[in-house]
Amino acid sequence: MPSNSPEYIKAHMEYRDNPTQRNRRKLANRNRRAKGLYGKGRDKEIDHIDNDPTNNAKSNLRVVPRAVNRRK
């Protein structure tokens, strides 16, 4: 489905506005702000050391290059 088709746009809007997804995005942005990455581009990411995305303790978060985070 092309990214500019009405069906794709509708599906994307429903996904984006889903309360679960909104909460995930809020937590991701909060974690990026805490580590000083918010608004700094996309070459670095926040990695959850224990691989549990719900564990947002500062001791469980680290900054890694995107390629490293994608290898898990």
Protein backbone atom coordinates (compact mmCIF):
# COMPACT_ATOMS: atom_id res chain seq x y z
CA MET A 1 0.00 0.00 0.00
CA PRO A 2 1.57 3.35 -1.02
CA SER A 3 2.29 5.71 1.86
CA ASN A 4 0.10 8.43 0.35
CA SER A 5 -2.99 6.26 -0.17
CA PRO A 6 -6.09 7.15 1.86
CA GLU A 7 -6.12 3.67 3.46
CA TYR A 8 -2.51 4.00 4.64
CA ILE A 9 -3.10 7.49 6.02
CA LYS A 10 -6.20 6.34 7.90
CA ALA A 11 -4.41 3.30 9.34
CA HIS A 12 -1.44 5.43 10.39
CA MET A 13 -3.67 7.99 12.10
CA GLU A 14 -5.51 5.23 14.00
CA TYR A 15 -2.18 3.73 15.11
CA ARG A 16 -0.72 7.10 16.09
CA ASP A 17 -3.80 8.12 18.08
CA ASN A 18 -4.08 4.78 19.90
CA PRO A 19 -3.74 5.45 23.67
CA THR A 20 -1.18 2.65 24.07
CA GLN A 21 1.02 4.02 21.30
CA ARG A 22 0.68 7.58 22.62
CA ASN A 23 1.88 6.40 26.03
CA ARG A 24 4.85 4.54 24.47
CA ARG A 25 5.84 7.67 22.54
CA LYS A 26 5.51 9.79 25.71
CA LEU A 27 7.82 7.44 27.62
CA ALA A 28 10.33 7.31 24.77
CA ASN A 29 10.45 11.10 24.57
CA ARG A 30 10.84 11.37 28.35
CA ASN A 31 13.74 8.91 28.27
CA ARG A 32 15.42 10.79 25.41
CA ARG A 33 15.07 14.08 27.31
CA ALA A 34 16.54 12.51 30.45
CA LYS A 35 19.61 11.36 28.51
CA GLY A 36 19.94 14.63 26.58
CA LEU A 37 19.02 13.16 23.19
CA TYR A 38 15.66 14.78 22.52
CA GLY A 39 15.80 16.76 19.29
CA LYS A 40 19.43 15.75 18.57
CA GLY A 41 18.76 13.55 15.55
CA ARG A 42 18.35 9.85 15.12
CA ASP A 43 21.85 8.39 15.11
CA LYS A 44 21.70 7.53 18.84
CA GLU A 45 19.01 5.68 20.74
CA ILE A 46 18.07 4.79 24.28
CA ASP A 47 18.71 1.13 25.04
CA HIS A 48 17.01 -0.76 27.86
CA ILE A 49 19.83 -2.83 29.34
CA ASP A 50 17.50 -5.58 30.60
CA ASN A 51 15.47 -5.53 27.31
CA ASP A 52 12.28 -4.64 29.21
CA PRO A 53 10.77 -1.50 27.62
CA THR A 54 8.54 -0.94 30.66
CA ASN A 55 11.55 -0.66 33.01
CA ASN A 56 12.46 3.01 32.63
CA ALA A 57 14.74 3.32 35.65
CA LYS A 58 17.72 5.56 34.84
CA SER A 59 20.07 2.74 35.85
CA ASN A 60 18.48 0.55 33.14
CA LEU A 61 18.91 3.06 30.30
CA ARG A 62 21.98 3.76 28.20
CA VAL A 63 22.76 5.69 25.02
CA VAL A 64 23.92 3.56 22.09
CA PRO A 65 24.26 3.97 18.32
CA ARG A 66 21.21 2.81 16.40
CA ALA A 67 23.12 -0.08 14.79
CA VAL A 68 24.03 -1.48 18.22
CA ASN A 69 20.46 -1.24 19.49
CA ARG A 70 19.08 -2.99 16.39
CA ARG A 71 21.35 -6.03 16.82
CA LYS A 72 19.42 -7.27 19.85
